[in-house]
């Protein structure tokens, strides 16, 4: 097990390096940089003449190394990460990028994990119900729910819910985690309830898509397993149907879903990101879009590197879960 973890971590290092190169190059590919944002702000908000604004922008570029070749900028960024765990300085937020990440990433991961747990538990449970009641009204209804969850875009569902909340229900506190009176208050049950009242649309929408996928896959897998010979043998031995399903069929039907956990965390993160952008929550999504819009390259590159890291970690966790579920699976080709 330890050897497997060590090999996977060592193998992830060159992959992350390659991803950082590609990400940085793609982010830098469009014309313009944060100096252009400085120039636009001076002209549009400060009324500064174009020539003077361009001169100020050029001074900013020189001071912050934006005129350096892209390769030099990249190696300055990646060297800071490797040697000092320094992700650079955010131009827009005017603070270290690591601080920007730590302000937004914990809430994003917490929301993504909540959505993942709900999508897994509800999706697997409803998939079992659908498979054991094949062609019934419950199976048909759950099939419609699964179809909608996998086909309706999350951002569209977010826009619809936002419209209903703001224009139909007159909800004013949108785009925040807490009401004003709970902003700096210590944690309590009332504050937790207030948090749920503000973030439930994000959790619901991000969970809906994952739930639909889990339910669809679990139903299909369980139907295949229920027709297997060993399941018929268990029934022939007189075991109760519930024991046959939960002890023999379900564990074997879970294998593809466990393997899917390797990509589910990034999937939930992207789902949270899409919805958070619509609702304007202070999480990773708006930060990525905002940093790309103004040319805050180090913020964008760092967040993309973090998302790539979650994908690698998720795949490692999925491999470990498969071993825990089925001891016949061996890591690294050797017996545990």
Protein backbone atom coordinates (compact mmCIF):
# COMPACT_ATOMS: atom_id res chain seq x y z
CA UNK A 1 0.00 0.00 0.00
CA UNK A 2 2.73 2.47 0.97
CA UNK A 3 4.70 1.56 -2.14
CA UNK A 4 1.62 2.20 -4.27
CA UNK A 5 1.04 5.61 -2.68
CA UNK A 6 4.69 6.58 -3.10
CA UNK A 7 4.70 5.56 -6.78
CA UNK A 8 1.47 7.43 -7.51
CA UNK A 9 2.71 10.59 -5.79
CA UNK A 10 6.04 10.46 -7.63
CA UNK A 11 4.22 9.84 -10.90
CA UNK A 12 1.96 12.83 -10.27
CA UNK A 13 4.89 15.27 -10.08
CA UNK A 14 5.80 15.27 -13.81
CA UNK A 15 2.10 15.24 -14.69
CA UNK A 16 1.47 18.35 -12.60
CA UNK A 17 4.53 20.00 -14.12
CA UNK A 18 3.21 19.32 -17.63
CA UNK A 19 -0.25 20.57 -16.70
CA UNK A 20 1.24 23.74 -15.23
CA UNK A 21 3.13 24.42 -18.48
CA UNK A 22 0.07 23.85 -20.68
CA UNK A 23 -2.21 25.85 -18.37
CA UNK A 24 0.16 28.79 -18.14
CA UNK A 25 0.65 28.84 -21.91
CA UNK A 26 -3.12 28.77 -22.57
CA UNK A 27 -3.78 31.53 -20.05
CA UNK A 28 -1.06 33.71 -21.59
CA UNK A 29 -2.14 33.01 -25.18
CA UNK A 30 -4.85 35.71 -25.52
CA UNK A 31 -3.51 39.20 -26.17
CA UNK A 32 -3.32 41.65 -23.29
CA UNK A 33 -2.31 41.55 -19.63
CA UNK A 34 -3.14 43.24 -16.35
CA UNK A 35 -1.45 46.39 -17.66
CA UNK A 36 -4.35 46.75 -20.09
CA UNK A 37 -6.75 46.52 -17.16
CA UNK A 38 -4.81 49.29 -15.40
CA UNK A 39 -5.04 51.45 -18.53
CA UNK A 40 -8.79 50.86 -18.91
CA UNK A 41 -9.45 51.67 -15.26
CA UNK A 42 -7.46 54.90 -15.47
CA UNK A 43 -9.27 56.00 -18.63
CA UNK A 44 -12.83 54.91 -17.74
CA UNK A 45 -12.89 55.59 -14.02
CA UNK A 46 -10.21 58.21 -13.55
CA UNK A 47 -10.64 60.20 -16.74
CA UNK A 48 -6.92 59.96 -17.51
CA UNK A 49 -5.91 60.66 -21.13
CA UNK A 50 -5.05 57.60 -23.22
CA UNK A 51 -1.34 58.41 -23.58
CA UNK A 52 -0.87 59.00 -19.87
CA UNK A 53 -2.85 55.88 -19.00
CA UNK A 54 -0.71 53.80 -21.34
CA UNK A 55 2.45 55.23 -19.74
CA UNK A 56 1.19 54.29 -16.27
CA UNK A 57 0.32 50.80 -17.52
CA UNK A 58 3.79 50.40 -18.99
CA UNK A 59 5.37 51.41 -15.68
CA UNK A 60 3.23 48.76 -13.96
CA UNK A 61 4.29 46.12 -16.49
CA UNK A 62 7.97 46.85 -15.95
CA UNK A 63 7.63 46.83 -12.17
CA UNK A 64 5.81 43.48 -12.11
CA UNK A 65 7.71 41.66 -14.88
CA UNK A 66 4.81 41.55 -17.32
CA UNK A 67 7.11 42.55 -20.18
CA UNK A 68 9.36 39.57 -19.55
CA UNK A 69 9.12 36.60 -21.94
CA UNK A 70 6.41 34.09 -21.06
CA UNK A 71 9.03 31.41 -20.31
CA UNK A 72 10.71 33.67 -17.78
CA UNK A 73 7.38 34.48 -16.14
CA UNK A 74 6.51 30.80 -15.93
CA UNK A 75 9.80 29.74 -14.37
CA UNK A 76 9.62 32.60 -11.87
CA UNK A 77 6.15 31.36 -10.87
CA UNK A 78 6.97 27.64 -10.73
CA UNK A 79 10.31 28.23 -8.95
CA UNK A 80 8.51 30.18 -6.25
CA UNK A 81 6.07 27.32 -5.76
CA UNK A 82 8.77 24.63 -5.54
CA UNK A 83 11.29 26.51 -3.40
CA UNK A 84 9.13 28.72 -1.17
CA UNK A 85 5.59 27.46 -1.70
CA UNK A 86 4.93 30.94 -3.04
CA UNK A 87 2.27 31.10 -5.79
CA UNK A 88 3.07 34.65 -6.76
CA UNK A 89 1.32 37.98 -6.17
CA UNK A 90 -2.20 38.74 -7.30
CA UNK A 91 -2.41 41.91 -9.35
CA UNK A 92 -6.15 42.37 -8.92
CA UNK A 93 -6.46 41.50 -5.22
CA UNK A 94 -3.05 43.05 -4.40
CA UNK A 95 -2.14 40.23 -2.05
CA UNK A 96 -0.29 36.88 -2.26
CA UNK A 97 -2.05 34.33 -4.45
CA UNK A 98 -1.83 31.76 -1.66
CA UNK A 99 -3.92 34.03 0.53
CA UNK A 100 -6.52 34.44 -2.22
CA UNK A 101 -6.68 30.65 -2.62
CA UNK A 102 -7.03 30.00 1.11
CA UNK A 103 -9.84 32.54 1.36
CA UNK A 104 -11.92 30.76 -1.27
CA UNK A 105 -10.78 27.14 -1.57
CA UNK A 106 -11.97 25.77 1.84
CA UNK A 107 -15.57 26.88 1.23
CA UNK A 108 -15.44 25.49 -2.31
CA UNK A 109 -14.12 22.09 -1.20
CA UNK A 110 -16.61 21.93 1.69
CA UNK A 111 -19.52 22.57 -0.68
CA UNK A 112 -18.15 20.07 -3.20
CA UNK A 113 -17.74 17.37 -0.53
CA UNK A 114 -21.27 17.91 0.78
CA UNK A 115 -22.60 17.64 -2.77
CA UNK A 116 -20.52 14.52 -3.38
CA UNK A 117 -21.76 12.74 -0.25
CA UNK A 118 -25.39 13.61 -0.99
CA UNK A 119 -25.09 12.63 -4.66
CA UNK A 120 -23.44 9.31 -3.78
CA UNK A 121 -25.79 8.29 -0.96
CA UNK A 122 -28.99 9.39 -2.69
CA UNK A 123 -27.91 8.26 -6.16
CA UNK A 124 -26.86 4.78 -5.06
CA UNK A 125 -29.93 4.36 -2.86
CA UNK A 126 -32.33 5.45 -5.59
CA UNK A 127 -30.46 3.30 -8.13
CA UNK A 128 -31.07 0.26 -5.93
CA UNK A 129 -34.76 1.16 -5.67
CA UNK A 130 -35.05 1.56 -9.45
CA UNK A 131 -33.25 -1.74 -10.19
CA UNK A 132 -35.25 -3.80 -7.71
CA UNK A 133 -38.52 -2.33 -9.04
CA UNK A 134 -37.75 -2.52 -12.74
CA UNK A 135 -40.46 -1.15 -15.08
CA UNK A 136 -42.61 0.00 -12.15
CA UNK A 137 -43.91 3.56 -11.75
CA UNK A 138 -41.05 4.25 -9.32
CA UNK A 139 -38.50 3.11 -11.90
CA UNK A 140 -40.12 5.30 -14.56
CA UNK A 141 -40.21 8.35 -12.29
CA UNK A 142 -36.59 7.91 -11.23
CA UNK A 143 -35.62 7.44 -14.88
CA UNK A 144 -37.16 10.84 -15.71
CA UNK A 145 -35.28 12.42 -12.80
CA UNK A 146 -32.03 10.83 -14.00
CA UNK A 147 -32.60 12.04 -17.55
CA UNK A 148 -33.23 15.61 -16.42
CA UNK A 149 -30.24 15.61 -14.09
CA UNK A 150 -27.87 14.51 -16.85
CA UNK A 151 -29.22 16.73 -19.63
CA UNK A 152 -30.23 20.06 -18.08
CA UNK A 153 -27.15 22.34 -17.92
CA UNK A 154 -26.27 23.31 -14.38
CA UNK A 155 -25.80 26.97 -15.21
CA UNK A 156 -29.28 27.07 -16.79
CA UNK A 157 -30.85 25.51 -13.71
CA UNK A 158 -28.96 28.04 -11.58
CA UNK A 159 -30.31 30.94 -13.65
CA UNK A 160 -33.88 29.62 -13.34
CA UNK A 161 -33.62 29.24 -9.55
CA UNK A 162 -31.96 32.66 -9.24
CA UNK A 163 -34.80 34.21 -11.25
CA UNK A 164 -37.43 32.56 -9.06
CA UNK A 165 -35.71 33.60 -5.84
CA UNK A 166 -35.08 37.22 -6.79
CA UNK A 167 -38.00 38.17 -9.03
CA UNK A 168 -40.76 35.87 -7.77
CA UNK A 169 -39.96 35.30 -4.09
CA UNK A 170 -38.26 38.68 -3.52
CA UNK A 171 -35.20 37.16 -1.86
CA UNK A 172 -32.62 39.92 -1.43
CA UNK A 173 -29.73 38.09 0.24
CA UNK A 174 -28.28 36.34 -2.80
CA UNK A 175 -24.57 35.87 -3.43
CA UNK A 176 -23.51 35.51 0.21
CA UNK A 177 -23.03 32.73 2.74
CA UNK A 178 -24.65 34.45 5.73
CA UNK A 179 -27.00 37.27 6.57
CA UNK A 180 -25.34 40.45 7.76
CA UNK A 181 -26.03 39.76 11.44
CA UNK A 182 -24.25 36.40 11.28
CA UNK A 183 -21.19 37.59 9.33
CA UNK A 184 -18.77 37.81 12.28
CA UNK A 185 -20.79 35.87 14.83
CA UNK A 186 -19.48 32.63 16.38
CA UNK A 187 -20.86 29.35 15.14
CA UNK A 188 -24.27 28.37 16.48
CA UNK A 189 -27.26 26.38 15.33
CA UNK A 190 -28.96 29.55 14.07
CA UNK A 191 -25.87 30.49 12.06
CA UNK A 192 -25.73 27.00 10.54
CA UNK A 193 -29.40 27.21 9.56
CA UNK A 194 -28.73 30.63 8.03
CA UNK A 195 -25.84 29.15 6.04
CA UNK A 196 -28.08 26.36 4.71
CA UNK A 197 -30.71 28.92 3.72
CA UNK A 198 -28.13 30.74 1.60
CA UNK A 199 -26.24 27.87 -0.04
CA UNK A 200 -29.00 25.34 -0.65
CA UNK A 201 -29.37 26.30 -4.36
CA UNK A 202 -25.68 25.60 -4.96
CA UNK A 203 -25.84 22.28 -3.11
CA UNK A 204 -29.07 21.24 -4.82
CA UNK A 205 -27.91 22.00 -8.36
CA UNK A 206 -24.44 20.50 -8.00
CA UNK A 207 -25.88 17.41 -6.28
CA UNK A 208 -28.61 16.92 -8.89
CA UNK A 209 -26.24 16.10 -11.74
CA UNK A 210 -24.07 13.74 -9.68
CA UNK A 211 -27.11 12.04 -8.21
CA UNK A 212 -28.52 11.40 -11.68
CA UNK A 213 -25.28 9.81 -12.89
CA UNK A 214 -24.88 7.62 -9.80
CA UNK A 215 -28.50 6.48 -9.99
CA UNK A 216 -28.29 5.62 -13.68
CA UNK A 217 -25.05 3.65 -13.36
CA UNK A 218 -26.11 1.88 -10.17
CA UNK A 219 -29.40 0.76 -11.72
CA UNK A 220 -27.70 -0.63 -14.83
CA UNK A 221 -24.95 -2.40 -12.90
CA UNK A 222 -27.30 -3.89 -10.33
CA UNK A 223 -29.63 -5.24 -13.01
CA UNK A 224 -26.66 -7.05 -14.59
CA UNK A 225 -25.51 -8.43 -11.25
CA UNK A 226 -29.00 -9.62 -10.26
CA UNK A 227 -28.99 -11.94 -13.27
CA UNK A 228 -25.65 -13.51 -12.33
CA UNK A 229 -25.34 -17.18 -11.38
CA UNK A 230 -23.99 -16.55 -7.89
CA UNK A 231 -27.03 -14.39 -7.09
CA UNK A 232 -29.34 -17.18 -8.23
CA UNK A 233 -27.33 -19.59 -6.08
CA UNK A 234 -27.75 -17.33 -3.04
CA UNK A 235 -31.49 -17.25 -3.63
CA UNK A 236 -31.58 -21.03 -4.02
CA UNK A 237 -29.97 -21.36 -0.59
CA UNK A 238 -33.00 -19.66 0.90
CA UNK A 239 -31.45 -16.32 1.78
CA UNK A 240 -33.89 -13.43 2.16
CA UNK A 241 -34.13 -11.21 -0.93
CA UNK A 242 -32.85 -8.20 1.03
CA UNK A 243 -29.74 -10.15 2.06
CA UNK A 244 -29.16 -11.33 -1.50
CA UNK A 245 -29.33 -7.78 -2.80
CA UNK A 246 -27.39 -5.94 -0.08
CA UNK A 247 -24.73 -8.56 0.73
CA UNK A 248 -24.11 -10.18 -2.65
CA UNK A 249 -25.38 -7.98 -5.48
CA UNK A 250 -24.80 -4.39 -4.35
CA UNK A 251 -21.08 -4.70 -3.41
CA UNK A 252 -20.26 -6.08 -6.88
CA UNK A 253 -22.40 -3.46 -8.61
CA UNK A 254 -20.52 -0.69 -6.81
CA UNK A 255 -17.17 -1.27 -8.56
CA UNK A 256 -17.71 1.14 -11.50
CA UNK A 257 -19.11 3.80 -9.17
CA UNK A 258 -16.11 3.53 -6.86
CA UNK A 259 -13.78 3.91 -9.84
CA UNK A 260 -15.81 6.98 -10.84
CA UNK A 261 -14.88 8.62 -7.53
CA UNK A 262 -11.53 9.45 -9.11
CA UNK A 263 -13.14 12.18 -11.20
CA UNK A 264 -16.19 13.00 -9.08
CA UNK A 265 -14.46 15.56 -6.84
CA UNK A 266 -13.31 17.69 -9.79
CA UNK A 267 -16.80 17.16 -11.29
CA UNK A 268 -18.42 18.45 -8.11
CA UNK A 269 -15.93 21.31 -7.98
CA UNK A 270 -16.78 22.36 -11.52
CA UNK A 271 -20.48 22.03 -10.73
CA UNK A 272 -20.05 24.25 -7.68
CA UNK A 273 -17.97 26.66 -9.77
CA UNK A 274 -20.66 27.02 -12.46
CA UNK A 275 -23.42 27.64 -9.94
CA UNK A 276 -21.29 29.92 -7.75
CA UNK A 277 -20.54 32.10 -10.78
CA UNK A 278 -24.27 32.58 -11.38
CA UNK A 279 -25.00 33.28 -7.70
CA UNK A 280 -21.82 35.32 -7.16
CA UNK A 281 -20.61 33.38 -4.12
CA UNK A 282 -17.10 34.08 -2.84
CA UNK A 283 -15.69 30.72 -3.95
CA UNK A 284 -13.25 29.51 -6.58
CA UNK A 285 -15.56 29.98 -9.57
CA UNK A 286 -15.95 33.76 -9.56
CA UNK A 287 -12.25 34.12 -8.70
CA UNK A 288 -11.21 32.11 -11.78
CA UNK A 289 -13.54 33.99 -14.12
CA UNK A 290 -12.64 37.35 -12.62
CA UNK A 291 -8.89 36.72 -12.76
CA UNK A 292 -9.12 35.60 -16.39
CA UNK A 293 -11.11 38.70 -17.29
CA UNK A 294 -8.50 41.12 -15.91
CA UNK A 295 -5.36 39.15 -16.77
CA UNK A 296 -4.45 38.15 -13.21
CA UNK A 297 -2.50 35.21 -14.58
CA UNK A 298 -1.00 33.81 -11.37
CA UNK A 299 -4.40 33.51 -9.69
CA UNK A 300 -5.89 31.70 -12.68
CA UNK A 301 -2.92 29.37 -13.11
CA UNK A 302 -2.84 28.49 -9.41
CA UNK A 303 -6.52 27.66 -9.23
CA UNK A 304 -6.26 25.47 -12.33
CA UNK A 305 -3.27 23.68 -10.79
CA UNK A 306 -5.32 23.09 -7.63
CA UNK A 307 -8.16 21.56 -9.67
CA UNK A 308 -5.68 19.27 -11.44
CA UNK A 309 -4.32 18.19 -8.06
CA UNK A 310 -7.81 17.27 -6.85
CA UNK A 311 -8.22 15.04 -9.92
CA UNK A 312 -5.00 13.16 -9.12
CA UNK A 313 -5.90 12.83 -5.43
CA UNK A 314 -9.37 11.61 -6.36
CA UNK A 315 -7.97 8.85 -8.57
CA UNK A 316 -5.65 7.67 -5.80
CA UNK A 317 -8.54 7.58 -3.31
CA UNK A 318 -10.65 5.65 -5.84
CA UNK A 319 -7.94 2.99 -6.17
CA UNK A 320 -7.76 2.61 -2.38
CA UNK A 321 -11.55 2.34 -2.12
CA UNK A 322 -11.59 -0.38 -4.76
CA UNK A 323 -9.11 -2.40 -2.72
CA UNK A 324 -11.19 -1.93 0.42
CA UNK A 325 -14.33 -3.02 -1.44
CA UNK A 326 -12.76 -6.04 -3.16
CA UNK A 327 -9.64 -7.60 -1.56
CA UNK A 328 -9.02 -9.53 -4.79
CA UNK A 329 -7.76 -6.28 -6.32
CA UNK A 330 -4.05 -5.79 -5.79
CA UNK A 331 -2.18 -2.53 -5.88
CA UNK A 332 1.09 -2.46 -7.73
CA UNK A 333 0.65 -6.03 -8.88
CA UNK A 334 1.56 -7.50 -5.49
CA UNK A 335 -0.49 -9.09 -2.76
CA UNK A 336 -1.26 -6.87 0.19
